């Protein structure tokens, strides 16, 4: 049985899949953590602890690197769409090879 896009949205409101296969993630970033890792769900967003300070965009770069590695894509395929200076961010991943986000639903 195939799930509708509405069902997929309800099970993980922090993730959207585009018609071209791209993935858009709503992320709550926590900079200056001990390590970069997915930490669960926070306010309808995927919470990611980032082991870099928020100053001078270091946390954004570390987050992009983390997602690029996780989804098996080059850094240029991960775009920070919204939230350059805030904790809540929207990122897009083009042409993902791996899908670690499917396991994150269980957090």
C-alpha atoms as a PDB file:
ATOM      1  CA  UNK A   1       0.000   0.000   0.000  1.00  0.00           C
ATOM      2  CA  UNK A   2       1.375   3.376  -0.990  1.00  0.00           C
ATOM      3  CA  UNK A   3       1.304   6.278   1.459  1.00  0.00           C
ATOM      4  CA  UNK A   4      -0.051   9.601   0.276  1.00  0.00           C
ATOM      5  CA  UNK A   5       2.031  12.739   0.523  1.00  0.00           C
ATOM      6  CA  UNK A   6      -0.316  13.984   3.257  1.00  0.00           C
ATOM      7  CA  UNK A   7       0.426  10.859   5.342  1.00  0.00           C
ATOM      8  CA  UNK A   8       4.163  11.339   4.847  1.00  0.00           C
ATOM      9  CA  UNK A   9       3.888  14.979   5.917  1.00  0.00           C
ATOM     10  CA  UNK A  10       1.998  14.032   9.080  1.00  0.00           C
ATOM     11  CA  UNK A  11       4.537  11.397  10.146  1.00  0.00           C
ATOM     12  CA  UNK A  12       7.464  13.814   9.804  1.00  0.00           C
ATOM     13  CA  UNK A  13       6.321  17.453   9.639  1.00  0.00           C
ATOM     14  CA  UNK A  14       9.957  18.577   9.608  1.00  0.00           C
ATOM     15  CA  UNK A  15      10.592  16.914   6.204  1.00  0.00           C
ATOM     16  CA  UNK A  16       9.182  17.530   2.731  1.00  0.00           C
ATOM     17  CA  UNK A  17      10.109  15.685  -0.439  1.00  0.00           C
ATOM     18  CA  UNK A  18       9.867  17.592  -3.702  1.00  0.00           C
ATOM     19  CA  UNK A  19       8.716  16.181  -7.044  1.00  0.00           C
ATOM     20  CA  UNK A  20      12.345  16.189  -8.210  1.00  0.00           C
ATOM     21  CA  UNK A  21      13.397  14.013  -5.236  1.00  0.00           C
ATOM     22  CA  UNK A  22      14.948  16.875  -3.283  1.00  0.00           C
ATOM     23  CA  UNK A  23      14.412  16.954   0.470  1.00  0.00           C
ATOM     24  CA  UNK A  24      13.623  20.046   2.519  1.00  0.00           C
ATOM     25  CA  UNK A  25      14.274  19.874   6.253  1.00  0.00           C
ATOM     26  CA  UNK A  26      13.071  22.179   9.021  1.00  0.00           C
ATOM     27  CA  UNK A  27      15.836  22.146  11.636  1.00  0.00           C
ATOM     28  CA  UNK A  28      16.252  23.510  15.138  1.00  0.00           C
ATOM     29  CA  UNK A  29      20.025  23.919  15.490  1.00  0.00           C
ATOM     30  CA  UNK A  30      21.818  23.889  18.829  1.00  0.00           C
ATOM     31  CA  UNK A  31      25.338  25.299  18.338  1.00  0.00           C
ATOM     32  CA  UNK A  32      28.382  24.712  20.561  1.00  0.00           C
ATOM     33  CA  UNK A  33      27.439  21.114  21.416  1.00  0.00           C
ATOM     34  CA  UNK A  34      29.976  18.395  22.252  1.00  0.00           C
ATOM     35  CA  UNK A  35      29.369  16.673  18.910  1.00  0.00           C
ATOM     36  CA  UNK A  36      27.267  17.109  15.805  1.00  0.00           C
ATOM     37  CA  UNK A  37      24.290  14.747  15.925  1.00  0.00           C
ATOM     38  CA  UNK A  38      20.546  14.465  15.481  1.00  0.00           C
ATOM     39  CA  UNK A  39      18.938  14.856  18.893  1.00  0.00           C
ATOM     40  CA  UNK A  40      15.229  14.276  18.198  1.00  0.00           C
ATOM     41  CA  UNK A  41      12.264  16.508  17.482  1.00  0.00           C
ATOM     42  CA  UNK A  42      11.812  20.014  18.911  1.00  0.00           C
ATOM     43  CA  UNK A  43       8.750  22.144  18.150  1.00  0.00           C
ATOM     44  CA  UNK A  44       7.953  20.375  14.892  1.00  0.00           C
ATOM     45  CA  UNK A  45      11.556  20.613  13.711  1.00  0.00           C
ATOM     46  CA  UNK A  46      14.377  18.112  13.601  1.00  0.00           C
ATOM     47  CA  UNK A  47      16.778  19.062  16.415  1.00  0.00           C
ATOM     48  CA  UNK A  48      20.448  18.880  15.453  1.00  0.00           C
ATOM     49  CA  UNK A  49      23.251  19.553  17.920  1.00  0.00           C
ATOM     50  CA  UNK A  50      26.178  21.196  16.143  1.00  0.00           C
ATOM     51  CA  UNK A  51      29.745  21.035  17.448  1.00  0.00           C
ATOM     52  CA  UNK A  52      30.657  24.504  16.220  1.00  0.00           C
ATOM     53  CA  UNK A  53      30.004  27.968  17.629  1.00  0.00           C
ATOM     54  CA  UNK A  54      27.310  30.144  16.098  1.00  0.00           C
ATOM     55  CA  UNK A  55      29.743  32.983  15.408  1.00  0.00           C
ATOM     56  CA  UNK A  56      30.691  33.874  11.844  1.00  0.00           C
ATOM     57  CA  UNK A  57      28.519  31.154  10.309  1.00  0.00           C
ATOM     58  CA  UNK A  58      30.624  28.295  11.667  1.00  0.00           C
ATOM     59  CA  UNK A  59      27.589  26.370  12.939  1.00  0.00           C
ATOM     60  CA  UNK A  60      25.838  26.744   9.563  1.00  0.00           C
ATOM     61  CA  UNK A  61      28.884  25.384   7.746  1.00  0.00           C
ATOM     62  CA  UNK A  62      29.159  22.462  10.186  1.00  0.00           C
ATOM     63  CA  UNK A  63      25.437  21.709   9.739  1.00  0.00           C
ATOM     64  CA  UNK A  64      25.763  21.750   5.943  1.00  0.00           C
ATOM     65  CA  UNK A  65      28.780  19.439   6.139  1.00  0.00           C
ATOM     66  CA  UNK A  66      26.913  17.056   8.484  1.00  0.00           C
ATOM     67  CA  UNK A  67      23.885  16.849   6.185  1.00  0.00           C
ATOM     68  CA  UNK A  68      25.988  16.501   3.027  1.00  0.00           C
ATOM     69  CA  UNK A  69      27.880  13.581   4.554  1.00  0.00           C
ATOM     70  CA  UNK A  70      24.717  11.951   5.892  1.00  0.00           C
ATOM     71  CA  UNK A  71      22.820  12.176   2.599  1.00  0.00           C
ATOM     72  CA  UNK A  72      25.875  11.202   0.534  1.00  0.00           C
ATOM     73  CA  UNK A  73      26.008  14.389  -1.525  1.00  0.00           C
ATOM     74  CA  UNK A  74      28.613  17.098  -2.147  1.00  0.00           C
ATOM     75  CA  UNK A  75      28.283  20.241  -0.023  1.00  0.00           C
ATOM     76  CA  UNK A  76      27.043  22.198  -3.044  1.00  0.00           C
ATOM     77  CA  UNK A  77      23.866  20.048  -3.011  1.00  0.00           C
ATOM     78  CA  UNK A  78      22.910  21.315   0.478  1.00  0.00           C
ATOM     79  CA  UNK A  79      21.431  24.808   0.509  1.00  0.00           C
ATOM     80  CA  UNK A  80      20.543  26.932   3.516  1.00  0.00           C
ATOM     81  CA  UNK A  81      17.197  28.334   2.358  1.00  0.00           C
ATOM     82  CA  UNK A  82      16.190  30.228   5.492  1.00  0.00           C
ATOM     83  CA  UNK A  83      17.507  30.932   8.984  1.00  0.00           C
ATOM     84  CA  UNK A  84      21.084  32.057   8.454  1.00  0.00           C
ATOM     85  CA  UNK A  85      21.224  33.781  11.870  1.00  0.00           C
ATOM     86  CA  UNK A  86      18.522  31.973  13.874  1.00  0.00           C
ATOM     87  CA  UNK A  87      18.273  28.542  15.426  1.00  0.00           C
ATOM     88  CA  UNK A  88      15.354  27.532  13.212  1.00  0.00           C
ATOM     89  CA  UNK A  89      16.612  26.766   9.725  1.00  0.00           C
ATOM     90  CA  UNK A  90      15.292  25.419   6.445  1.00  0.00           C
ATOM     91  CA  UNK A  91      17.742  23.424   4.365  1.00  0.00           C
ATOM     92  CA  UNK A  92      17.317  21.737   1.017  1.00  0.00           C
ATOM     93  CA  UNK A  93      19.211  18.644  -0.162  1.00  0.00           C
ATOM     94  CA  UNK A  94      19.303  18.054  -3.916  1.00  0.00           C
ATOM     95  CA  UNK A  95      19.682  14.544  -5.357  1.00  0.00           C
ATOM     96  CA  UNK A  96      20.177  12.678  -2.050  1.00  0.00           C
ATOM     97  CA  UNK A  97      21.946   9.316  -2.360  1.00  0.00           C
ATOM     98  CA  UNK A  98      21.355   8.072   1.196  1.00  0.00           C
ATOM     99  CA  UNK A  99      18.217   8.650   3.296  1.00  0.00           C
ATOM    100  CA  UNK A 100      19.209   8.830   6.991  1.00  0.00           C
ATOM    101  CA  UNK A 101      16.109  10.956   7.637  1.00  0.00           C
ATOM    102  CA  UNK A 102      13.923   7.860   7.485  1.00  0.00           C
ATOM    103  CA  UNK A 103      15.562   6.583  10.654  1.00  0.00           C
ATOM    104  CA  UNK A 104      15.245   9.963  12.340  1.00  0.00           C
ATOM    105  CA  UNK A 105      11.450   9.607  12.369  1.00  0.00           C
ATOM    106  CA  UNK A 106      11.814   7.137  15.228  1.00  0.00           C
ATOM    107  CA  UNK A 107      13.585   9.603  17.538  1.00  0.00           C
END
